Amino acid sequence: MSLLLAASLLLKALGVPLLARTAWVDFTTQKIANRDVLLLLCLGLGSLQLFSVQAGSWWDMSLSAIAGLVLFLALFPFWLMRKVGAGDVKLISVTPFLIGASNLAVFSVLLLVFAIATVAVVKNPFLLPAGMFRHYVQHLDRKGVVPFGVPISAAAIGTIVFQIYANLMLPAGSGILQQLN
């Protein structure tokens, strides 16, 4: 593994605790700080730049920018209708930079799984064991809010872990590794 790829993966790995913090803050306060979104954007841009220099192609960075713009434009009307929060729109728009365009399919599948799980927990709080936690989730259900930053962050963390695993654990001659890069 080259030094540039290792540095790129390190920047992605630094995003994991920030994503976890963002998910927790969104779950507890229904707010996603602009500071966190900008830090994730910087980590993602740095990681993509290192990867692009190592690969000798700017295609992944360009595709990530296009994907981020498309996600922002697609979710902006839902924010105007107050169906999602502005922080959720900004977070999902920054995510393609952090995970890279070549891993958007993995991210999409994980996002679908985690979003369904989040909605199921919010809509069916009786599935949860702790009374206080159940009371909190019922409060979220009454308010009509779902902390969508939680499944976005969880899907991004899962995708980053998959990328790190694929680049570190799979043999260098594997066809899967060459497809991911």
N, C-alpha and C. Protein backbone atom coordinates (compact mmCIF):
# COMPACT_ATOMS: atom_id res chain seq x y z
N MET A 1 0.85 -1.17 0.00
CA MET A 1 0.00 0.00 0.00
C MET A 1 0.89 1.23 0.00
N SER A 2 0.52 2.20 -0.81
CA SER A 2 1.33 3.41 -0.91
C SER A 2 1.07 4.33 0.27
N LEU A 3 1.98 5.25 0.46
CA LEU A 3 1.87 6.21 1.55
C LEU A 3 0.67 7.14 1.35
N LEU A 4 0.40 7.51 0.09
CA LEU A 4 -0.75 8.38 -0.18
C LEU A 4 -2.07 7.69 0.14
N LEU A 5 -2.16 6.41 -0.20
CA LEU A 5 -3.38 5.66 0.10
C LEU A 5 -3.54 5.50 1.61
N ALA A 6 -2.44 5.26 2.31
CA ALA A 6 -2.51 5.13 3.76
C ALA A 6 -2.95 6.45 4.40
N ALA A 7 -2.43 7.57 3.91
CA ALA A 7 -2.84 8.87 4.45
C ALA A 7 -4.31 9.15 4.14
N SER A 8 -4.75 8.74 2.95
CA SER A 8 -6.16 8.92 2.58
C SER A 8 -7.07 8.12 3.51
N LEU A 9 -6.68 6.89 3.79
CA LEU A 9 -7.47 6.05 4.71
C LEU A 9 -7.44 6.60 6.12
N LEU A 10 -6.31 7.18 6.53
CA LEU A 10 -6.22 7.77 7.85
C LEU A 10 -7.18 8.95 8.00
N LEU A 11 -7.27 9.79 6.96
CA LEU A 11 -8.22 10.90 7.01
C LEU A 11 -9.65 10.40 7.10
N LYS A 12 -9.95 9.34 6.36
CA LYS A 12 -11.30 8.75 6.45
C LYS A 12 -11.55 8.21 7.86
N ALA A 13 -10.54 7.55 8.43
CA ALA A 13 -10.68 7.00 9.78
C ALA A 13 -10.88 8.09 10.81
N LEU A 14 -10.28 9.26 10.61
CA LEU A 14 -10.49 10.38 11.52
C LEU A 14 -11.93 10.90 11.48
N GLY A 15 -12.61 10.63 10.38
CA GLY A 15 -14.01 11.02 10.27
C GLY A 15 -14.95 10.15 11.07
N VAL A 16 -14.54 8.94 11.42
CA VAL A 16 -15.42 8.01 12.14
C VAL A 16 -15.85 8.55 13.50
N PRO A 17 -14.91 9.01 14.37
CA PRO A 17 -15.38 9.54 15.66
C PRO A 17 -16.23 10.80 15.50
N LEU A 18 -15.92 11.60 14.49
CA LEU A 18 -16.72 12.80 14.25
C LEU A 18 -18.12 12.43 13.79
N LEU A 19 -18.23 11.43 12.95
CA LEU A 19 -19.55 10.95 12.53
C LEU A 19 -20.33 10.38 13.70
N ALA A 20 -19.65 9.64 14.58
CA ALA A 20 -20.32 9.08 15.76
C ALA A 20 -20.82 10.20 16.67
N ARG A 21 -20.00 11.22 16.85
CA ARG A 21 -20.41 12.37 17.67
C ARG A 21 -21.60 13.09 17.03
N THR A 22 -21.54 13.27 15.72
CA THR A 22 -22.64 13.92 15.00
C THR A 22 -23.94 13.13 15.16
N ALA A 23 -23.85 11.81 15.07
CA ALA A 23 -25.05 10.98 15.24
C ALA A 23 -25.61 11.12 16.65
N TRP A 24 -24.74 11.10 17.65
CA TRP A 24 -25.21 11.21 19.04
C TRP A 24 -25.86 12.57 19.30
N VAL A 25 -25.21 13.64 18.83
CA VAL A 25 -25.76 14.99 19.04
C VAL A 25 -27.09 15.13 18.30
N ASP A 26 -27.18 14.58 17.10
CA ASP A 26 -28.44 14.66 16.36
C ASP A 26 -29.53 13.85 17.06
N PHE A 27 -29.17 12.71 17.62
CA PHE A 27 -30.15 11.90 18.33
C PHE A 27 -30.66 12.59 19.58
N THR A 28 -29.77 13.26 20.31
CA THR A 28 -30.16 13.86 21.58
C THR A 28 -30.75 15.26 21.44
N THR A 29 -30.31 16.02 20.43
CA THR A 29 -30.77 17.42 20.33
C THR A 29 -31.47 17.75 19.02
N GLN A 30 -31.47 16.82 18.07
CA GLN A 30 -32.02 17.05 16.73
C GLN A 30 -31.34 18.23 16.04
N LYS A 31 -30.04 18.38 16.26
CA LYS A 31 -29.24 19.43 15.63
C LYS A 31 -27.95 18.82 15.09
N ILE A 32 -27.52 19.28 13.92
CA ILE A 32 -26.22 18.91 13.35
C ILE A 32 -25.47 20.21 13.15
N ALA A 33 -24.35 20.34 13.82
CA ALA A 33 -23.58 21.58 13.80
C ALA A 33 -22.89 21.77 12.45
N ASN A 34 -22.90 23.01 11.98
CA ASN A 34 -22.19 23.35 10.74
C ASN A 34 -20.70 23.05 10.88
N ARG A 35 -20.16 23.22 12.08
CA ARG A 35 -18.75 22.95 12.34
C ARG A 35 -18.42 21.50 12.02
N ASP A 36 -19.28 20.58 12.45
CA ASP A 36 -19.04 19.16 12.20
C ASP A 36 -19.12 18.84 10.72
N VAL A 37 -20.09 19.44 10.03
CA VAL A 37 -20.24 19.20 8.60
C VAL A 37 -19.02 19.73 7.85
N LEU A 38 -18.54 20.91 8.23
CA LEU A 38 -17.35 21.47 7.57
C LEU A 38 -16.10 20.64 7.85
N LEU A 39 -15.96 20.14 9.06
CA LEU A 39 -14.82 19.26 9.37
C LEU A 39 -14.88 17.98 8.53
N LEU A 40 -16.05 17.41 8.40
CA LEU A 40 -16.21 16.22 7.57
C LEU A 40 -15.89 16.52 6.11
N LEU A 41 -16.32 17.69 5.64
CA LEU A 41 -16.02 18.09 4.27
C LEU A 41 -14.51 18.22 4.06
N CYS A 42 -13.83 18.85 5.01
CA CYS A 42 -12.37 19.01 4.90
C CYS A 42 -11.66 17.66 4.92
N LEU A 43 -12.07 16.77 5.82
CA LEU A 43 -11.47 15.44 5.86
C LEU A 43 -11.72 14.69 4.55
N GLY A 44 -12.94 14.80 4.04
CA GLY A 44 -13.26 14.13 2.78
C GLY A 44 -12.50 14.68 1.60
N LEU A 45 -12.40 16.01 1.52
CA LEU A 45 -11.66 16.62 0.41
C LEU A 45 -10.18 16.25 0.48
N GLY A 46 -9.62 16.25 1.68
CA GLY A 46 -8.22 15.86 1.83
C GLY A 46 -7.99 14.41 1.43
N SER A 47 -8.88 13.54 1.88
CA SER A 47 -8.77 12.13 1.54
C SER A 47 -8.91 11.90 0.04
N LEU A 48 -9.89 12.57 -0.57
CA LEU A 48 -10.09 12.42 -2.02
C LEU A 48 -8.91 12.98 -2.81
N GLN A 49 -8.34 14.08 -2.33
CA GLN A 49 -7.20 14.66 -3.04
C GLN A 49 -6.01 13.70 -3.01
N LEU A 50 -5.73 13.14 -1.83
CA LEU A 50 -4.62 12.18 -1.73
C LEU A 50 -4.87 10.96 -2.61
N PHE A 51 -6.10 10.47 -2.58
CA PHE A 51 -6.43 9.31 -3.42
C PHE A 51 -6.31 9.66 -4.90
N SER A 52 -6.74 10.86 -5.29
CA SER A 52 -6.67 11.27 -6.70
C SER A 52 -5.24 11.42 -7.16
N VAL A 53 -4.37 11.95 -6.32
CA VAL A 53 -2.96 12.07 -6.67
C VAL A 53 -2.35 10.68 -6.82
N GLN A 54 -2.69 9.77 -5.91
CA GLN A 54 -2.16 8.42 -5.96
C GLN A 54 -2.66 7.68 -7.20
N ALA A 55 -3.93 7.87 -7.54
CA ALA A 55 -4.52 7.19 -8.69
C ALA A 55 -4.16 7.86 -10.01
N GLY A 56 -3.79 9.13 -9.96
CA GLY A 56 -3.47 9.84 -11.19
C GLY A 56 -4.71 10.27 -11.96
N SER A 57 -5.85 10.31 -11.30
CA SER A 57 -7.11 10.68 -11.95
C SER A 57 -7.97 11.46 -10.96
N TRP A 58 -8.65 12.46 -11.46
CA TRP A 58 -9.52 13.29 -10.63
C TRP A 58 -10.98 12.88 -10.78
N TRP A 59 -11.22 11.75 -11.43
CA TRP A 59 -12.57 11.31 -11.70
C TRP A 59 -13.38 11.10 -10.41
N ASP A 60 -12.80 10.45 -9.41
CA ASP A 60 -13.51 10.17 -8.17
C ASP A 60 -13.90 11.46 -7.45
N MET A 61 -13.00 12.44 -7.47
CA MET A 61 -13.31 13.70 -6.82
C MET A 61 -14.43 14.44 -7.57
N SER A 62 -14.37 14.42 -8.89
CA SER A 62 -15.41 15.07 -9.70
C SER A 62 -16.77 14.40 -9.49
N LEU A 63 -16.76 13.09 -9.49
CA LEU A 63 -18.01 12.35 -9.30
C LEU A 63 -18.58 12.57 -7.90
N SER A 64 -17.70 12.68 -6.90
CA SER A 64 -18.15 12.97 -5.53
C SER A 64 -18.79 14.35 -5.46
N ALA A 65 -18.20 15.32 -6.13
CA ALA A 65 -18.78 16.67 -6.15
C ALA A 65 -20.14 16.67 -6.82
N ILE A 66 -20.26 15.95 -7.92
CA ILE A 66 -21.55 15.86 -8.61
C ILE A 66 -22.58 15.17 -7.73
N ALA A 67 -22.18 14.07 -7.08
CA ALA A 67 -23.11 13.34 -6.21
C ALA A 67 -23.55 14.21 -5.03
N GLY A 68 -22.62 14.96 -4.44
CA GLY A 68 -22.97 15.87 -3.34
C GLY A 68 -23.95 16.93 -3.79
N LEU A 69 -23.72 17.50 -4.96
CA LEU A 69 -24.62 18.52 -5.49
C LEU A 69 -26.00 17.94 -5.79
N VAL A 70 -26.04 16.76 -6.39
CA VAL A 70 -27.32 16.12 -6.70
C VAL A 70 -28.10 15.82 -5.41
N LEU A 71 -27.41 15.31 -4.41
CA LEU A 71 -28.08 15.03 -3.13
C LEU A 71 -28.61 16.31 -2.49
N PHE A 72 -27.82 17.37 -2.55
CA PHE A 72 -28.28 18.64 -1.97
C PHE A 72 -29.51 19.15 -2.71
N LEU A 73 -29.45 19.16 -4.04
CA LEU A 73 -30.58 19.65 -4.82
C LEU A 73 -31.82 18.77 -4.67
N ALA A 74 -31.62 17.46 -4.50
CA ALA A 74 -32.76 16.56 -4.34
C ALA A 74 -33.43 16.72 -2.99
N LEU A 75 -32.65 17.00 -1.94
CA LEU A 75 -33.22 17.09 -0.59
C LEU A 75 -33.61 18.51 -0.19
N PHE A 76 -33.13 19.50 -0.90
CA PHE A 76 -33.45 20.89 -0.55
C PHE A 76 -34.95 21.16 -0.55
N PRO A 77 -35.72 20.69 -1.54
CA PRO A 77 -37.17 20.91 -1.47
C PRO A 77 -37.82 20.26 -0.24
N PHE A 78 -37.30 19.12 0.20
CA PHE A 78 -37.84 18.48 1.40
C PHE A 78 -37.55 19.32 2.65
N TRP A 79 -36.41 20.01 2.64
CA TRP A 79 -36.11 20.92 3.74
C TRP A 79 -37.08 22.10 3.69
N LEU A 80 -37.37 22.62 2.50
CA LEU A 80 -38.32 23.73 2.38
C LEU A 80 -39.71 23.33 2.87
N MET A 81 -40.07 22.07 2.68
CA MET A 81 -41.37 21.57 3.15
C MET A 81 -41.30 21.12 4.61
N ARG A 82 -40.13 21.27 5.24
CA ARG A 82 -39.88 20.91 6.64
C ARG A 82 -40.06 19.41 6.89
N LYS A 83 -39.69 18.60 5.91
CA LYS A 83 -39.72 17.15 6.06
C LYS A 83 -38.40 16.61 6.60
N VAL A 84 -37.29 17.30 6.30
CA VAL A 84 -35.97 16.97 6.85
C VAL A 84 -35.34 18.26 7.33
N GLY A 85 -34.37 18.11 8.21
CA GLY A 85 -33.69 19.27 8.74
C GLY A 85 -32.57 19.74 7.82
N ALA A 86 -32.18 20.98 7.99
CA ALA A 86 -31.10 21.54 7.17
C ALA A 86 -29.78 20.82 7.44
N GLY A 87 -29.56 20.43 8.69
CA GLY A 87 -28.34 19.69 9.02
C GLY A 87 -28.27 18.35 8.32
N ASP A 88 -29.42 17.68 8.22
CA ASP A 88 -29.46 16.39 7.52
C ASP A 88 -29.11 16.57 6.04
N VAL A 89 -29.64 17.62 5.43
CA VAL A 89 -29.36 17.89 4.02
C VAL A 89 -27.88 18.17 3.83
N LYS A 90 -27.31 19.00 4.71
CA LYS A 90 -25.88 19.31 4.58
C LYS A 90 -25.02 18.08 4.84
N LEU A 91 -25.38 17.27 5.83
CA LEU A 91 -24.59 16.08 6.16
C LEU A 91 -24.58 15.08 5.01
N ILE A 92 -25.74 14.81 4.44
CA ILE A 92 -25.78 13.83 3.35
C ILE A 92 -25.13 14.39 2.08
N SER A 93 -25.10 15.71 1.93
CA SER A 93 -24.43 16.31 0.77
C SER A 93 -22.92 16.22 0.88
N VAL A 94 -22.40 16.19 2.10
CA VAL A 94 -20.95 16.13 2.33
C VAL A 94 -20.47 14.68 2.31
N THR A 95 -21.33 13.75 2.58
CA THR A 95 -20.94 12.34 2.69
C THR A 95 -20.25 11.78 1.45
N PRO A 96 -20.66 12.10 0.21
CA PRO A 96 -19.92 11.56 -0.94
C PRO A 96 -18.45 11.98 -0.97
N PHE A 97 -18.13 13.14 -0.43
CA PHE A 97 -16.74 13.56 -0.36
C PHE A 97 -15.97 12.69 0.62
N LEU A 98 -16.61 12.33 1.72
CA LEU A 98 -15.94 11.55 2.75
C LEU A 98 -15.76 10.09 2.34
N ILE A 99 -16.74 9.51 1.70
CA ILE A 99 -16.66 8.09 1.36
C ILE A 99 -16.14 7.84 -0.04
N GLY A 100 -16.18 8.82 -0.90
CA GLY A 100 -15.74 8.64 -2.28
C GLY A 100 -16.88 8.13 -3.15
N ALA A 101 -16.86 8.57 -4.38
CA ALA A 101 -17.95 8.23 -5.29
C ALA A 101 -18.00 6.74 -5.63
N SER A 102 -16.86 6.08 -5.58
CA SER A 102 -16.84 4.66 -5.95
C SER A 102 -17.53 3.78 -4.90
N ASN A 103 -17.82 4.34 -3.73
CA ASN A 103 -18.47 3.57 -2.67
C ASN A 103 -19.88 4.04 -2.36
N LEU A 104 -20.47 4.78 -3.27
CA LEU A 104 -21.83 5.27 -3.04
C LEU A 104 -22.86 4.15 -3.00
N ALA A 105 -22.62 3.07 -3.72
CA ALA A 105 -23.57 1.95 -3.70
C ALA A 105 -23.59 1.29 -2.32
N VAL A 106 -22.42 1.07 -1.74
CA VAL A 106 -22.34 0.49 -0.39
C VAL A 106 -23.03 1.42 0.60
N PHE A 107 -22.75 2.72 0.49
CA PHE A 107 -23.36 3.71 1.36
C PHE A 107 -24.88 3.69 1.22
N SER A 108 -25.38 3.62 0.00
CA SER A 108 -26.82 3.64 -0.24
C SER A 108 -27.52 2.45 0.40
N VAL A 109 -26.94 1.28 0.27
CA VAL A 109 -27.54 0.07 0.87
C VAL A 109 -27.53 0.19 2.38
N LEU A 110 -26.40 0.60 2.95
CA LEU A 110 -26.33 0.76 4.41
C LEU A 110 -27.29 1.85 4.89
N LEU A 111 -27.41 2.93 4.14
CA LEU A 111 -28.33 4.00 4.53
C LEU A 111 -29.76 3.50 4.54
N LEU A 112 -30.13 2.72 3.56
CA LEU A 112 -31.48 2.16 3.52
C LEU A 112 -31.74 1.28 4.74
N VAL A 113 -30.79 0.42 5.07
CA VAL A 113 -30.95 -0.48 6.21
C VAL A 113 -31.06 0.32 7.51
N PHE A 114 -30.15 1.28 7.72
CA PHE A 114 -30.17 2.05 8.97
C PHE A 114 -31.36 3.00 9.05
N ALA A 115 -31.81 3.54 7.93
CA ALA A 115 -32.98 4.42 7.95
C ALA A 115 -34.24 3.62 8.31
N ILE A 116 -34.38 2.44 7.76
CA ILE A 116 -35.53 1.60 8.10
C ILE A 116 -35.49 1.22 9.57
N ALA A 117 -34.31 0.88 10.07
CA ALA A 117 -34.17 0.52 11.49
C ALA A 117 -34.49 1.72 12.39
N THR A 118 -34.05 2.91 12.01
CA THR A 118 -34.33 4.10 12.82
C THR A 118 -35.82 4.41 12.85
N VAL A 119 -36.46 4.36 11.72
CA VAL A 119 -37.90 4.62 11.67
C VAL A 119 -38.66 3.55 12.45
N ALA A 120 -38.22 2.30 12.36
CA ALA A 120 -38.89 1.23 13.10
C ALA A 120 -38.78 1.45 14.61
N VAL A 121 -37.61 1.89 15.07
CA VAL A 121 -37.44 2.15 16.50
C VAL A 121 -38.27 3.35 16.94
N VAL A 122 -38.31 4.39 16.13
CA VAL A 122 -39.08 5.59 16.49
C VAL A 122 -40.58 5.29 16.47
N LYS A 123 -41.03 4.53 15.50
CA LYS A 123 -42.46 4.24 15.38
C LYS A 123 -42.92 3.12 16.33
N ASN A 124 -42.03 2.27 16.77
CA ASN A 124 -42.38 1.15 17.65
C ASN A 124 -41.48 1.16 18.89
N PRO A 125 -41.63 2.13 19.76
CA PRO A 125 -40.72 2.22 20.91
C PRO A 125 -40.89 1.08 21.91
N PHE A 126 -41.99 0.32 21.81
CA PHE A 126 -42.19 -0.80 22.73
C PHE A 126 -41.17 -1.91 22.49
N LEU A 127 -40.45 -1.86 21.38
CA LEU A 127 -39.41 -2.84 21.11
C LEU A 127 -38.18 -2.61 21.97
N LEU A 128 -38.07 -1.43 22.55
CA LEU A 128 -36.88 -1.08 23.32
C LEU A 128 -37.02 -1.51 24.77
N PRO A 129 -35.92 -1.94 25.42
CA PRO A 129 -36.02 -2.46 26.77
C PRO A 129 -36.13 -1.40 27.87
N ALA A 130 -35.44 -0.32 27.78
CA ALA A 130 -35.38 0.65 28.88
C ALA A 130 -36.56 1.61 28.83
N GLY A 131 -37.19 1.82 29.98
CA GLY A 131 -38.36 2.69 30.06
C GLY A 131 -38.04 4.13 29.71
N MET A 132 -36.94 4.63 30.19
CA MET A 132 -36.58 6.03 29.91
C MET A 132 -36.29 6.23 28.43
N PHE A 133 -35.58 5.29 27.83
CA PHE A 133 -35.27 5.38 26.41
C PHE A 133 -36.56 5.30 25.61
N ARG A 134 -37.46 4.42 26.03
CA ARG A 134 -38.75 4.29 25.36
C ARG A 134 -39.54 5.60 25.45
N HIS A 135 -39.51 6.22 26.62
CA HIS A 135 -40.20 7.50 26.80
C HIS A 135 -39.62 8.57 25.88
N TYR A 136 -38.31 8.60 25.74
CA TYR A 136 -37.66 9.58 24.88
C TYR A 136 -38.05 9.37 23.41
N VAL A 137 -38.05 8.13 22.97
CA VAL A 137 -38.40 7.83 21.58
C VAL A 137 -39.87 8.15 21.33
N GLN A 138 -40.75 7.91 22.32
CA GLN A 138 -42.15 8.28 22.17
C GLN A 138 -42.29 9.79 22.03
N HIS A 139 -41.47 10.53 22.76
CA HIS A 139 -41.46 11.98 22.64
C HIS A 139 -41.07 12.39 21.22
N LEU A 140 -40.06 11.73 20.65
CA LEU A 140 -39.66 12.02 19.27
C LEU A 140 -40.80 11.72 18.31
N ASP A 141 -41.52 10.63 18.55
CA ASP A 141 -42.63 10.26 17.69
C ASP A 141 -43.76 11.28 17.77
N ARG A 142 -44.06 11.76 18.97
CA ARG A 142 -45.12 12.77 19.12
C ARG A 142 -44.75 14.06 18.41
N LYS A 143 -43.48 14.44 18.49
CA LYS A 143 -43.03 15.67 17.82
C LYS A 143 -42.98 15.49 16.31
N GLY A 144 -42.97 14.24 15.85
CA GLY A 144 -42.93 13.98 14.42
C GLY A 144 -41.56 14.14 13.81
N VAL A 145 -40.50 14.01 14.60
CA VAL A 145 -39.15 14.14 14.07
C VAL A 145 -38.44 12.80 14.13
N VAL A 146 -37.60 12.58 13.17
CA VAL A 146 -36.73 11.42 13.14
C VAL A 146 -35.31 11.95 12.94
N PRO A 147 -34.40 11.63 13.85
CA PRO A 147 -33.02 12.12 13.71
C PRO A 147 -32.31 11.39 12.56
N PHE A 148 -32.47 11.92 11.34
CA PHE A 148 -31.95 11.25 10.15
C PHE A 148 -30.43 11.30 10.08
N GLY A 149 -29.80 12.16 10.89
CA GLY A 149 -28.34 12.18 10.94
C GLY A 149 -27.76 10.89 11.49
N VAL A 150 -28.54 10.18 12.28
CA VAL A 150 -28.07 8.91 12.86
C VAL A 150 -27.87 7.85 11.78
N PRO A 151 -28.86 7.56 10.93
CA PRO A 151 -28.59 6.57 9.89
C PRO A 151 -27.59 7.04 8.84
N ILE A 152 -27.55 8.34 8.56
CA ILE A 152 -26.54 8.84 7.61
C ILE A 152 -25.15 8.59 8.17
N SER A 153 -24.94 8.94 9.43
CA SER A 153 -23.63 8.75 10.06
C SER A 153 -23.28 7.26 10.17
N ALA A 154 -24.25 6.44 10.56
CA ALA A 154 -24.00 5.00 10.68
C ALA A 154 -23.63 4.39 9.33
N ALA A 155 -24.33 4.79 8.28
CA ALA A 155 -24.02 4.27 6.94
C ALA A 155 -22.64 4.74 6.48
N ALA A 156 -22.29 5.98 6.77
CA ALA A 156 -20.97 6.49 6.39
C ALA A 156 -19.88 5.76 7.17
N ILE A 157 -20.11 5.53 8.46
CA ILE A 157 -19.12 4.79 9.27
C ILE A 157 -18.96 3.37 8.72
N GLY A 158 -20.06 2.71 8.41
CA GLY A 158 -19.99 1.37 7.84
C GLY A 158 -19.25 1.33 6.52
N THR A 159 -19.46 2.33 5.69
CA THR A 159 -18.77 2.40 4.40
C THR A 159 -17.28 2.64 4.59
N ILE A 160 -16.92 3.51 5.52
CA ILE A 160 -15.50 3.78 5.78
C ILE A 160 -14.82 2.53 6.33
N VAL A 161 -15.48 1.84 7.24
CA VAL A 161 -14.91 0.60 7.79
C VAL A 161 -14.73 -0.42 6.68
N PHE A 162 -15.69 -0.51 5.77
CA PHE A 162 -15.58 -1.42 4.63
C PHE A 162 -14.39 -1.04 3.75
N GLN A 163 -14.21 0.26 3.49
CA GLN A 163 -13.08 0.71 2.67
C GLN A 163 -11.75 0.36 3.33
N ILE A 164 -11.65 0.62 4.62
CA ILE A 164 -10.40 0.33 5.32
C ILE A 164 -10.13 -1.16 5.32
N TYR A 165 -11.16 -1.95 5.58
CA TYR A 165 -11.01 -3.41 5.55
C TYR A 165 -10.57 -3.88 4.16
N ALA A 166 -11.22 -3.37 3.13
CA ALA A 166 -10.91 -3.80 1.77
C ALA A 166 -9.48 -3.43 1.39
N ASN A 167 -8.99 -2.31 1.85
CA ASN A 167 -7.65 -1.88 1.48
C ASN A 167 -6.56 -2.47 2.36
N LEU A 168 -6.88 -2.84 3.58
CA LEU A 168 -5.86 -3.37 4.48
C LEU A 168 -5.86 -4.88 4.59
N MET A 169 -7.02 -5.50 4.58
CA MET A 169 -7.12 -6.92 4.88
C MET A 169 -7.15 -7.82 3.64
N LEU A 170 -7.70 -7.33 2.57
CA LEU A 170 -7.76 -8.17 1.38
C LEU A 170 -6.41 -8.19 0.70
N PRO A 171 -6.04 -9.32 0.12
CA PRO A 171 -4.73 -9.39 -0.55
C PRO A 171 -4.65 -8.40 -1.71
N ALA A 172 -3.45 -7.92 -1.98
CA ALA A 172 -3.25 -6.91 -3.01
C ALA A 172 -3.61 -7.41 -4.40
N GLY A 173 -3.56 -8.69 -4.63
CA GLY A 173 -3.88 -9.23 -5.95
C GLY A 173 -5.35 -9.53 -6.14
N SER A 174 -6.17 -9.27 -5.14
CA SER A 174 -7.59 -9.58 -5.21
C SER A 174 -8.30 -8.70 -6.22
N GLY A 175 -9.22 -9.28 -6.93
CA GLY A 175 -10.01 -8.50 -7.88
C GLY A 175 -10.94 -7.52 -7.20
N ILE A 176 -11.39 -7.85 -5.99
CA ILE A 176 -12.29 -6.96 -5.24
C ILE A 176 -11.55 -5.67 -4.90
N LEU A 177 -10.29 -5.79 -4.47
CA LEU A 177 -9.52 -4.61 -4.09
C LEU A 177 -9.32 -3.69 -5.29
N GLN A 178 -9.04 -4.27 -6.44
CA GLN A 178 -8.82 -3.44 -7.62
C GLN A 178 -10.12 -2.79 -8.08
N GLN A 179 -11.27 -3.43 -7.84
CA GLN A 179 -12.54 -2.82 -8.18
C GLN A 179 -12.88 -1.66 -7.29
N LEU A 180 -12.48 -1.72 -6.00
CA LEU A 180 -12.78 -0.66 -5.06
C LEU A 180 -11.96 0.59 -5.31
N ASN A 181 -10.80 0.42 -5.87
CA ASN A 181 -9.93 1.57 -6.12
C ASN A 181 -10.04 1.94 -7.52
